[in-house]
Amino acid sequence: MRTTVGIIGGGPAGLLLARLLHRAGIDCVVLESRTRSYVEQRQRAGMLEQGTVDALHEAGAAERLEAEGLVHQGIELRFDRERHHLDFPALTGGHTVTIYAQTEIVKDLVALQLADGPPLSFEAAALAVEQPESATPVVRFRHEGREQTLTCDWVAGCDGFHGISRATFPAGISSSYAHDYPYSWLGIMAEVPPSGGELIYARGERGFALHSMRSSSVSRLYLQVPVGTDPDGWPDDRVWDELAARFAIDADWTLNRGPITAKSVTSMRSYVHEPMRHGRLLLAGDAAHIVPPTGAKGLNLAVSDVRVLARALIELHRTGDAQLLDNYSELCLQRVWQATRFSDDMTRMLHARPDGDAFDHRMQLARLRRITASRHAAAELAADYSGLPLLT
């Protein structure tokens, strides 16, 4: 097989890149190791920055998003049994965010790809990227029981944190930076209408809680739990009681309860790999970086990577100018580190330390008070949350 851009990974990053390239007349092939069913049902993020919404429009994949996405004007912070609303449009000059589940984005992109797009192969497991420093790198993969090769001009590694693309980088030219947080999230999906119109971030002595949603009838909620927590140790009644306690305020508000359809525990980690390019192999999304979900940046960072990469490859294709491609890693990493900084700030400000440190608790409250009392501090958080400008 031969193509211009070989894309490893059929998640939102790889599929979006394929659509953007296809619409620009650049041929590509997408290799995804999992089944279509697995990819379309994999639960991940659901908060989209405006730049992510714009990218889906650019790819011709926003019809259902426009009909079903929930536009949010801000978020709510809760602490000391108080509620504080941050009005994003007022603080940022008009920015909003949109709730639309990653599962639905993937379904939309897969449908477009199969109906009118370059080849997309499921259960095609990439085994290695060979000769990435040559003019024709090769992706070796296994599909339908036999080993095959895909020769490319460029390879996009969109295969996630556990994929093979990042491992191709020689140790001598790359560095990685990681931090593991001393707590996890117990996440649930519930068939119940959301208890409010926007995301609620709650900080209390019992720990952090987040109220989110996937649609007008499906809620997504999270609880801070110790590392190593077994979700089976949290029966449904215990989950709802703990959520109600952490969201409690001195006002008239009730947490809607309903059937829990999914339950899982997610560890909290930051990781950044530098650089994001080796020869003709370019990393995007979780293959290069992961952030704790507190700031809702994972999917949005992947999309921003892909937007820069697509523009760079299209510019090279149309004009022969490789400057944007040469700057790809540097441009993406500037935004990656800012998102990592913001995610870390949110995580440290909102989670109770396992050792119950009283000083740290008071410092967290001081940070929250500053945000809710200072327009400048609130505007900074709103700008980070709703999405920093794309660097090109």
Protein backbone atom coordinates (compact mmCIF):
# COMPACT_ATOMS: atom_id res chain seq x y z
CA MET A 1 0.00 0.00 0.00
CA ARG A 2 1.11 3.55 -0.74
CA THR A 3 -0.27 6.89 0.44
CA THR A 4 0.80 10.46 1.15
CA VAL A 5 -0.08 10.49 4.87
CA GLY A 6 -0.33 7.33 6.93
CA ILE A 7 -2.43 7.94 10.05
CA ILE A 8 -2.02 5.56 12.97
CA GLY A 9 -5.09 5.68 15.19
CA GLY A 10 -8.79 6.03 14.41
CA GLY A 11 -9.82 8.10 17.40
CA PRO A 12 -10.98 11.71 17.10
CA ALA A 13 -7.48 13.04 16.31
CA GLY A 14 -6.73 10.58 13.50
CA LEU A 15 -10.23 10.73 12.01
CA LEU A 16 -10.37 14.53 12.07
CA LEU A 17 -6.95 14.77 10.44
CA ALA A 18 -8.08 12.37 7.71
CA ARG A 19 -11.19 14.45 6.98
CA LEU A 20 -9.27 17.73 6.82
CA LEU A 21 -6.65 16.24 4.49
CA HIS A 22 -9.25 14.53 2.31
CA ARG A 23 -11.16 17.78 1.81
CA ALA A 24 -7.89 19.43 0.75
CA GLY A 25 -7.20 16.70 -1.84
CA ILE A 26 -4.43 14.93 0.09
CA ASP A 27 -4.69 11.14 0.11
CA CYS A 28 -4.26 9.27 3.37
CA VAL A 29 -4.95 5.94 5.05
CA VAL A 30 -6.18 5.46 8.65
CA LEU A 31 -5.15 2.35 10.61
CA GLU A 32 -7.08 1.62 13.82
CA SER A 33 -6.18 -1.36 15.99
CA ARG A 34 -9.60 -1.69 17.65
CA THR A 35 -13.01 -2.62 16.29
CA ARG A 36 -15.43 0.02 15.06
CA SER A 37 -17.78 -0.79 17.94
CA TYR A 38 -15.05 -0.29 20.53
CA VAL A 39 -13.92 3.03 19.06
CA GLU A 40 -17.44 4.42 18.85
CA GLN A 41 -18.32 3.44 22.42
CA ARG A 42 -15.08 4.52 24.14
CA GLN A 43 -16.11 7.09 26.77
CA ARG A 44 -13.87 10.12 27.00
CA ALA A 45 -14.31 13.89 27.00
CA GLY A 46 -17.40 15.90 26.22
CA MET A 47 -16.50 19.61 26.61
CA LEU A 48 -15.51 21.34 23.36
CA GLU A 49 -13.71 24.64 23.06
CA GLN A 50 -14.83 26.94 20.26
CA GLY A 51 -11.72 26.01 18.28
CA THR A 52 -12.75 22.35 18.37
CA VAL A 53 -16.26 23.22 17.20
CA ASP A 54 -14.71 25.29 14.38
CA ALA A 55 -12.50 22.37 13.34
CA LEU A 56 -15.48 20.01 13.12
CA HIS A 57 -17.28 22.57 10.94
CA GLU A 58 -14.18 22.81 8.74
CA ALA A 59 -14.19 19.02 8.37
CA GLY A 60 -17.87 18.95 7.42
CA ALA A 61 -18.65 16.98 10.59
CA ALA A 62 -20.77 19.39 12.61
CA GLU A 63 -24.34 18.75 11.43
CA ARG A 64 -25.36 16.65 14.42
CA LEU A 65 -23.20 18.75 16.74
CA GLU A 66 -25.17 21.85 15.78
CA ALA A 67 -28.48 20.06 16.34
CA GLU A 68 -27.65 18.23 19.59
CA GLY A 69 -24.71 20.04 21.21
CA LEU A 70 -25.38 21.98 24.42
CA VAL A 71 -23.85 25.46 24.41
CA HIS A 72 -22.71 26.57 27.89
CA GLN A 73 -22.16 30.17 28.91
CA GLY A 74 -19.79 29.30 31.76
CA ILE A 75 -19.22 27.06 34.76
CA GLU A 76 -20.20 27.05 38.41
CA LEU A 77 -17.74 26.84 41.31
CA ARG A 78 -18.91 25.52 44.68
CA PHE A 79 -17.07 25.75 47.97
CA ASP A 80 -17.97 26.58 51.58
CA ARG A 81 -21.58 25.65 50.66
CA GLU A 82 -21.72 28.61 48.27
CA ARG A 83 -22.23 28.71 44.49
CA HIS A 84 -20.46 31.11 42.15
CA HIS A 85 -21.16 31.42 38.42
CA LEU A 86 -18.42 32.42 35.96
CA ASP A 87 -19.96 34.10 32.90
CA PHE A 88 -17.59 33.22 30.04
CA PRO A 89 -19.01 35.54 27.35
CA ALA A 90 -18.83 38.52 29.71
CA LEU A 91 -15.30 37.61 30.85
CA THR A 92 -13.80 36.66 27.47
CA GLY A 93 -15.56 38.85 24.94
CA GLY A 94 -18.06 36.25 23.79
CA HIS A 95 -16.46 32.81 24.20
CA THR A 96 -18.62 29.81 25.06
CA VAL A 97 -18.06 26.05 25.28
CA THR A 98 -20.17 23.20 23.91
CA ILE A 99 -21.08 19.86 25.43
CA TYR A 100 -21.03 17.05 22.84
CA ALA A 101 -19.68 13.63 23.72
CA GLN A 102 -16.49 12.27 22.14
CA THR A 103 -18.39 9.08 21.31
CA GLU A 104 -20.71 11.12 19.08
CA ILE A 105 -17.82 12.97 17.42
CA VAL A 106 -16.21 9.65 16.58
CA LYS A 107 -19.47 8.22 15.22
CA ASP A 108 -19.91 11.29 13.01
CA LEU A 109 -16.35 11.13 11.69
CA VAL A 110 -16.42 7.36 11.11
CA ALA A 111 -19.68 7.62 9.15
CA LEU A 112 -18.23 10.37 6.94
CA GLN A 113 -15.00 8.49 6.44
CA LEU A 114 -16.69 5.28 5.36
CA ALA A 115 -19.22 7.06 3.14
CA ASP A 116 -16.89 9.53 1.44
CA GLY A 117 -13.30 9.45 2.53
CA PRO A 118 -9.91 7.82 2.36
CA PRO A 119 -9.44 4.22 3.50
CA LEU A 120 -10.18 3.45 7.17
CA SER A 121 -9.21 -0.02 8.40
CA PHE A 122 -10.39 -1.30 11.78
CA GLU A 123 -8.54 -4.12 13.57
CA ALA A 124 -5.39 -3.00 11.76
CA ALA A 125 -2.73 -2.98 14.48
CA ALA A 126 0.38 -0.90 13.75
CA LEU A 127 3.49 -2.87 14.70
CA ALA A 128 6.26 -0.39 13.88
CA VAL A 129 7.17 2.79 12.04
CA GLU A 130 10.29 2.08 10.03
CA GLN A 131 12.74 4.54 8.45
CA PRO A 132 11.01 7.68 9.82
CA GLU A 133 14.00 9.80 8.84
CA SER A 134 13.82 8.74 5.18
CA ALA A 135 11.70 10.30 2.44
CA THR A 136 9.42 7.24 2.47
CA PRO A 137 8.74 5.97 5.99
CA VAL A 138 6.91 2.66 6.28
CA VAL A 139 4.21 1.59 8.73
CA ARG A 140 4.22 -2.14 9.35
CA PHE A 141 0.83 -3.42 10.54
CA ARG A 142 -1.25 -6.57 10.96
CA HIS A 143 -4.70 -6.77 9.37
CA GLU A 144 -6.98 -9.71 8.63
CA GLY A 145 -4.43 -12.16 9.92
CA ARG A 146 -1.42 -11.10 7.87
CA GLU A 147 1.36 -8.56 8.13
CA GLN A 148 1.31 -5.71 5.63
CA THR A 149 3.17 -2.48 4.95
CA LEU A 150 2.05 1.06 4.22
CA THR A 151 4.60 3.32 2.53
CA CYS A 152 4.03 7.04 3.14
CA ASP A 153 5.47 10.47 2.62
CA TRP A 154 4.47 11.35 6.20
CA VAL A 155 3.24 9.41 9.22
CA ALA A 156 0.87 10.92 11.80
CA GLY A 157 1.02 9.14 15.16
CA CYS A 158 -2.48 9.60 16.59
CA ASP A 159 -2.48 6.26 18.42
CA GLY A 160 -2.81 7.45 22.00
CA PHE A 161 -0.64 7.15 25.07
CA HIS A 162 -0.11 3.39 24.72
CA GLY A 163 0.47 3.38 20.95
CA ILE A 164 3.67 2.50 19.11
CA SER A 165 4.39 5.89 17.50
CA ARG A 166 6.06 7.60 20.44
CA ALA A 167 8.27 4.55 21.07
CA THR A 168 9.81 5.11 17.62
CA PHE A 169 11.57 8.25 18.82
CA PRO A 170 15.23 7.56 19.71
CA ALA A 171 15.98 8.12 23.39
CA GLY A 172 18.78 10.53 22.62
CA ILE A 173 16.58 13.08 20.84
CA SER A 174 13.53 13.09 23.09
CA SER A 175 12.55 13.92 26.65
CA SER A 176 9.45 13.21 28.67
CA TYR A 177 7.99 15.02 31.67
CA ALA A 178 5.44 13.34 33.93
CA HIS A 179 3.59 13.89 37.17
CA ASP A 180 1.22 11.47 38.92
CA TYR A 181 -1.41 12.95 41.24
CA PRO A 182 -2.24 11.22 44.56
CA TYR A 183 -5.93 10.73 43.78
CA SER A 184 -8.24 9.34 41.11
CA TRP A 185 -11.74 9.99 39.80
CA LEU A 186 -14.68 7.64 40.13
CA GLY A 187 -16.80 8.47 37.10
CA ILE A 188 -20.39 7.44 36.47
CA MET A 189 -22.81 7.72 33.57
CA ALA A 190 -26.44 8.00 34.63
CA GLU A 191 -29.73 7.96 32.73
CA VAL A 192 -31.02 11.08 34.41
CA PRO A 193 -31.42 14.72 33.28
CA PRO A 194 -28.64 17.02 34.50
CA SER A 195 -29.25 18.83 37.78
CA GLY A 196 -28.20 22.16 36.31
CA GLY A 197 -27.57 23.91 33.03
CA GLU A 198 -23.76 24.04 33.26
CA LEU A 199 -20.80 22.13 34.67
CA ILE A 200 -20.42 22.32 38.45
CA TYR A 201 -16.97 22.09 40.07
CA ALA A 202 -17.26 21.48 43.81
CA ARG A 203 -14.45 21.64 46.39
CA GLY A 204 -15.00 20.60 49.98
CA GLU A 205 -13.31 18.86 52.88
CA ARG A 206 -14.76 15.53 51.67
CA GLY A 207 -13.00 16.02 48.33
CA PHE A 208 -13.73 17.14 44.78
CA ALA A 209 -16.85 16.44 42.71
CA LEU A 210 -17.80 17.38 39.15
CA HIS A 211 -21.27 17.50 37.64
CA SER A 212 -21.29 17.28 33.86
CA MET A 213 -23.61 15.91 31.18
CA ARG A 214 -23.59 14.19 27.81
CA SER A 215 -27.06 15.29 26.72
CA SER A 216 -30.30 16.69 28.10
CA SER A 217 -31.15 13.21 29.45
CA VAL A 218 -27.74 11.73 30.36
CA SER A 219 -25.56 12.98 33.24
CA ARG A 220 -21.83 12.39 33.73
CA LEU A 221 -20.53 12.83 37.28
CA TYR A 222 -17.21 12.34 39.06
CA LEU A 223 -15.94 11.92 42.61
CA GLN A 224 -12.40 12.27 43.91
CA VAL A 225 -11.35 8.88 45.34
CA PRO A 226 -8.06 7.38 46.57
CA VAL A 227 -5.63 5.85 44.10
CA GLY A 228 -6.39 2.15 43.66
CA THR A 229 -10.10 2.48 44.35
CA ASP A 230 -12.23 -0.43 43.10
CA PRO A 231 -15.48 0.89 41.56
CA ASP A 232 -17.25 -2.24 42.81
CA GLY A 233 -16.74 -0.88 46.32
CA TRP A 234 -19.07 2.00 45.45
CA PRO A 235 -22.68 0.76 45.18
CA ASP A 236 -25.08 3.17 43.50
CA ASP A 237 -26.64 4.52 46.70
CA ARG A 238 -23.24 5.31 48.16
CA VAL A 239 -22.24 7.17 44.96
CA TRP A 240 -25.39 9.32 44.96
CA ASP A 241 -25.16 10.07 48.70
CA GLU A 242 -21.54 11.16 48.40
CA LEU A 243 -22.23 13.31 45.34
CA ALA A 244 -25.13 15.00 47.15
CA ALA A 245 -22.91 15.72 50.16
CA ARG A 246 -20.12 17.27 48.07
CA PHE A 247 -22.46 19.42 45.97
CA ALA A 248 -24.47 20.62 49.00
CA ILE A 249 -25.02 24.37 49.30
CA ASP A 250 -27.01 26.66 51.58
CA ALA A 251 -29.66 27.22 48.92
CA ASP A 252 -32.54 25.42 47.25
CA TRP A 253 -30.87 22.84 44.99
CA THR A 254 -31.39 19.10 44.52
CA LEU A 255 -29.20 16.50 42.84
CA ASN A 256 -31.20 14.42 40.36
CA ARG A 257 -30.72 10.68 40.85
CA GLY A 258 -31.31 7.86 38.40
CA PRO A 259 -30.02 4.53 37.03
CA ILE A 260 -26.23 4.37 36.80
CA THR A 261 -25.25 2.72 33.49
CA ALA A 262 -21.45 2.88 33.70
CA LYS A 263 -18.89 3.20 36.47
CA SER A 264 -15.09 3.42 36.22
CA VAL A 265 -11.99 4.84 37.96
CA THR A 266 -9.53 7.13 36.16
CA SER A 267 -6.05 7.96 37.42
CA MET A 268 -4.82 11.55 37.29
CA ARG A 269 -1.60 12.21 35.42
CA SER A 270 0.24 14.83 33.38
CA TYR A 271 2.69 13.78 30.67
CA VAL A 272 4.44 15.71 27.88
CA HIS A 273 6.81 14.27 25.27
CA GLU A 274 9.26 16.53 23.44
CA PRO A 275 9.68 16.94 20.53
CA MET A 276 6.51 15.97 18.69
CA ARG A 277 8.33 15.31 15.41
CA HIS A 278 11.05 12.85 14.43
CA GLY A 279 11.92 12.93 10.74
CA ARG A 280 8.63 12.37 8.92
CA LEU A 281 6.81 11.00 11.94
CA LEU A 282 4.62 13.56 13.75
CA LEU A 283 2.76 12.93 16.99
CA ALA A 284 -0.67 14.35 17.82
CA GLY A 285 -2.98 14.11 20.82
CA ASP A 286 -2.46 11.59 23.61
CA ALA A 287 0.49 10.05 21.78
CA ALA A 288 2.43 13.18 22.79
CA HIS A 289 0.70 14.46 25.92
CA ILE A 290 -1.97 13.75 28.50
CA VAL A 291 -3.42 16.03 31.16
CA PRO A 292 -5.67 15.44 34.17
CA PRO A 293 -9.31 15.87 33.10
CA THR A 294 -10.00 18.70 35.56
CA GLY A 295 -9.50 21.37 32.90
CA ALA A 296 -11.25 19.44 30.09
CA LYS A 297 -8.24 19.86 27.80
CA GLY A 298 -7.40 16.36 26.51
CA LEU A 299 -9.63 16.20 23.44
CA ASN A 300 -9.25 19.91 22.73
CA LEU A 301 -5.45 19.66 22.75
CA ALA A 302 -5.62 16.74 20.33
CA VAL A 303 -7.80 18.78 17.99
CA SER A 304 -5.51 21.81 18.18
CA ASP A 305 -2.54 19.57 17.28
CA VAL A 306 -4.45 18.20 14.31
CA ARG A 307 -5.48 21.66 13.10
CA VAL A 308 -1.86 22.80 13.06
CA LEU A 309 -0.69 19.56 11.43
CA ALA A 310 -3.40 19.65 8.76
CA ARG A 311 -2.61 23.27 7.89
CA ALA A 312 1.09 22.45 7.68
CA LEU A 313 0.58 19.45 5.37
CA ILE A 314 -1.90 21.36 3.21
CA GLU A 315 0.50 24.29 2.91
CA LEU A 316 3.29 21.94 1.85
CA HIS A 317 0.98 20.21 -0.65
CA ARG A 318 -0.25 23.45 -2.23
CA THR A 319 2.84 25.64 -2.21
CA GLY A 320 5.81 23.45 -1.32
CA ASP A 321 6.45 25.62 1.75
CA ALA A 322 7.52 23.46 4.71
CA GLN A 323 7.98 26.27 7.26
CA LEU A 324 4.78 25.53 9.22
CA LEU A 325 5.59 21.83 9.20
CA ASP A 326 9.10 22.56 10.46
CA ASN A 327 7.58 24.62 13.30
CA TYR A 328 4.88 22.04 14.12
CA SER A 329 6.39 20.68 17.32
CA GLU A 330 7.34 24.07 18.75
CA LEU A 331 3.92 25.60 18.01
CA CYS A 332 1.99 22.71 19.50
CA LEU A 333 4.15 22.42 22.60
CA GLN A 334 3.61 26.08 23.50
CA ARG A 335 -0.12 25.41 23.72
CA VAL A 336 0.39 21.98 25.33
CA TRP A 337 2.39 23.43 28.20
CA GLN A 338 -0.14 26.22 28.80
CA ALA A 339 -2.96 23.64 28.90
CA THR A 340 -0.86 21.44 31.19
CA ARG A 341 -0.28 24.41 33.49
CA PHE A 342 -3.99 25.24 33.57
CA SER A 343 -5.00 21.61 34.18
CA ASP A 344 -2.48 21.38 37.01
CA ASP A 345 -3.73 24.63 38.57
CA MET A 346 -7.34 23.42 38.48
CA THR A 347 -6.40 20.01 39.86
CA ARG A 348 -4.37 21.37 42.78
CA MET A 349 -6.97 24.02 43.62
CA LEU A 350 -9.98 21.71 43.73
CA HIS A 351 -8.81 18.37 45.16
CA ALA A 352 -8.44 17.58 48.84
CA ARG A 353 -4.98 16.30 49.70
CA PRO A 354 -4.97 12.71 50.99
CA ASP A 355 -3.07 13.78 54.11
CA GLY A 356 -5.73 16.36 54.98
CA ASP A 357 -3.19 19.18 55.19
CA ALA A 358 -5.02 22.18 56.77
CA PHE A 359 -2.68 24.80 55.30
CA ASP A 360 -3.21 23.46 51.79
CA HIS A 361 -6.98 23.50 52.32
CA ARG A 362 -6.91 27.17 53.34
CA MET A 363 -4.71 28.04 50.36
CA GLN A 364 -7.20 26.37 48.03
CA LEU A 365 -10.02 28.40 49.51
CA ALA A 366 -7.94 31.57 49.10
CA ARG A 367 -7.42 30.79 45.41
CA LEU A 368 -11.12 30.13 44.91
CA ARG A 369 -12.03 33.34 46.75
CA ARG A 370 -9.69 35.33 44.54
CA ILE A 371 -11.29 33.92 41.38
CA THR A 372 -14.80 34.69 42.57
CA ALA A 373 -13.89 38.16 43.91
CA SER A 374 -11.54 39.40 41.18
CA ARG A 375 -12.74 39.95 37.62
CA HIS A 376 -9.14 39.74 36.43
CA ALA A 377 -8.62 36.31 38.02
CA ALA A 378 -12.00 35.07 36.80
CA ALA A 379 -11.24 36.29 33.27
CA GLU A 380 -7.93 34.43 33.24
CA LEU A 381 -9.62 31.17 34.25
CA ALA A 382 -12.40 31.72 31.69
CA ALA A 383 -9.90 32.37 28.90
CA ASP A 384 -7.92 29.23 29.71
CA TYR A 385 -11.03 27.10 30.08
CA SER A 386 -12.79 28.25 26.90
CA GLY A 387 -9.63 27.88 24.83
CA LEU A 388 -6.48 29.82 24.05
CA PRO A 389 -5.91 31.02 20.46
CA LEU A 390 -4.41 28.57 17.98
CA LEU A 391 -0.75 29.37 17.22
CA THR A 392 0.24 29.33 13.55
